[in-house]
């Protein structure tokens, strides 16, 4: 038997041999003077948005539900089942496939109902590593439909009969009728998942605390390509690439999103190279064109998207004449919209004679269905006088009772509406209607009741794609019972109009769908529940340092593929 001293000697010999082997193959460079390997450069991008969110979930922002750029910000940190690509087509994201009749995930049932299903990818995970489940999407639907939770609720909830997790990886929606946009339900425009395991308990016990959780900002956990590294209120958000993303780690390492509330400051930062990318809208045409001419370090891309529209107030307007269709028609004839296109849009856009933009595939099939109001101030004056008004000594129309004809025109303060509201108000005033422009300060936009109950007219920049027509349904009117959340800003209710929208959204044959759409376009142009001004332009600023960015003004696509241009 060996003694401990012998064992120790053997152990020391082994250590000496190992040390000798180590010195014979040095780990460092063979040339002592050679520089150490350079660490990989962090791919950091600086973006800017003209607003400050309180939540990464766009529909839950307490400062302004329609906050510019909020949707893009959410896409950076949270994926959903399917998404809209740069060509406007649906692509699977966290789901394996988009529901279609051909793949069996979209079923028309014999009783007139319908089902759509999505199968979640096995690679879909939350930023904390937990798998994404069907229950996370069902929970998100439950929360979003809750009337006690202020959110921008899609009107198609009236078509939704049931939502079930048929298994842990399959989400199925049951519809009480055919609905042509059912496959868009789980896009970032509507519903993104919420982690049930983290939020359900507090949601069930204390909804007020639920909507004020730090989860929505500093402690956010999502499913998207980037995760929250730092959230500094009033300053910026820093996001870092997520290793848990379903399509793998993004090529960029970090994206810093700065809150830049002043447009000149944003332009200065772009020109100086301290900002690489804009998130959300903010540019008026002349500023965008000025930047495009000066910015050699990047590109300013644009295309027609959204429209500038005037919403009449249909519930309790301060001046009842707003409710008279003949008055609204006179106002359209009194508005020189071509002049606005030339001066505000630099002649790059066109008059919005109908709701749809020219870029929509259905535009050509419906454009001749509308009533057009060419600029004709004489005709406008005649129509007003036929309503019993006559001009007073100050040039303003008065009713038979001597009351001045006066309207207030409100705007959210967006650059394009801020530029448009004064000339439109001047045109109406020159006609003989005292029109007061009122550009709302940001702090008033948080008061949803005040915003919804505007006294006469409200000018807005608003999305106007075909699938958005459900936002004009009477079920989307902002009312006290909805906490004044809703997208039917004119608060217009008409059973015939609702029926046309329902028919359009449920018609499967193309001819029937177009017939309903033509009816909708004609109704809007005749009743003027939406008074179109012109089509606006969508601007995105992208530095030359970046590549593979497919972006629209409020939405991103292929985020995981964004990268730096190689020198």
Foldseek 3Di string as FASTA:
>chain_A
DDDPVVVVVVVVVVVVVVVVVDVVDDPDDPDPPDDDDDDDDAFEAEEEEQDFFPFLQLFLGLLFSPRFQSLASVQQAAFWQWEQALVRDIDGFQFPGQWDVVVPQWDQDPVQKIKHKTFGDQLFAKLVGHHQWLVQQVVQVVQLPDLVRRGQAFLCVVQWDDWDRPDGGMIMTIGPHFFQCPSCCTYSVHTTGDPCVPQVVCCVVPVVVSSVDCCRPQVPMHRHQWDWDDGDPPFWTKTAGGCSHSVGTFAHGIYIYTHDNDPVVVLVCQQVVVHFWYRGDFDWQVVLVVSQVRRPQWHKDKDFFFFKWKAWAPPQAPDCCLQPLLLVLLLLLLDQLCVLCCPRVVVPWWFPQWLAGPVAPLCVVQVVLADGRHHDLVVSLVSVVVVAWDADPVQATAHPVGHTQEEEEEEQPRVSVVVVVVVSQVSVVNSRYNYHYHYDDSNCSSQLVPQLPHRTMYIYGGGRHPVCVSQLALSFQQDVSSSNRGRNSSSDYDPVLNVLNVQLRRDDDPVSNSVSVNVNRHCCNSRVSMGTRITGMWIMIGGLQKDPWSDTNNHTPPRSHIDGDDD
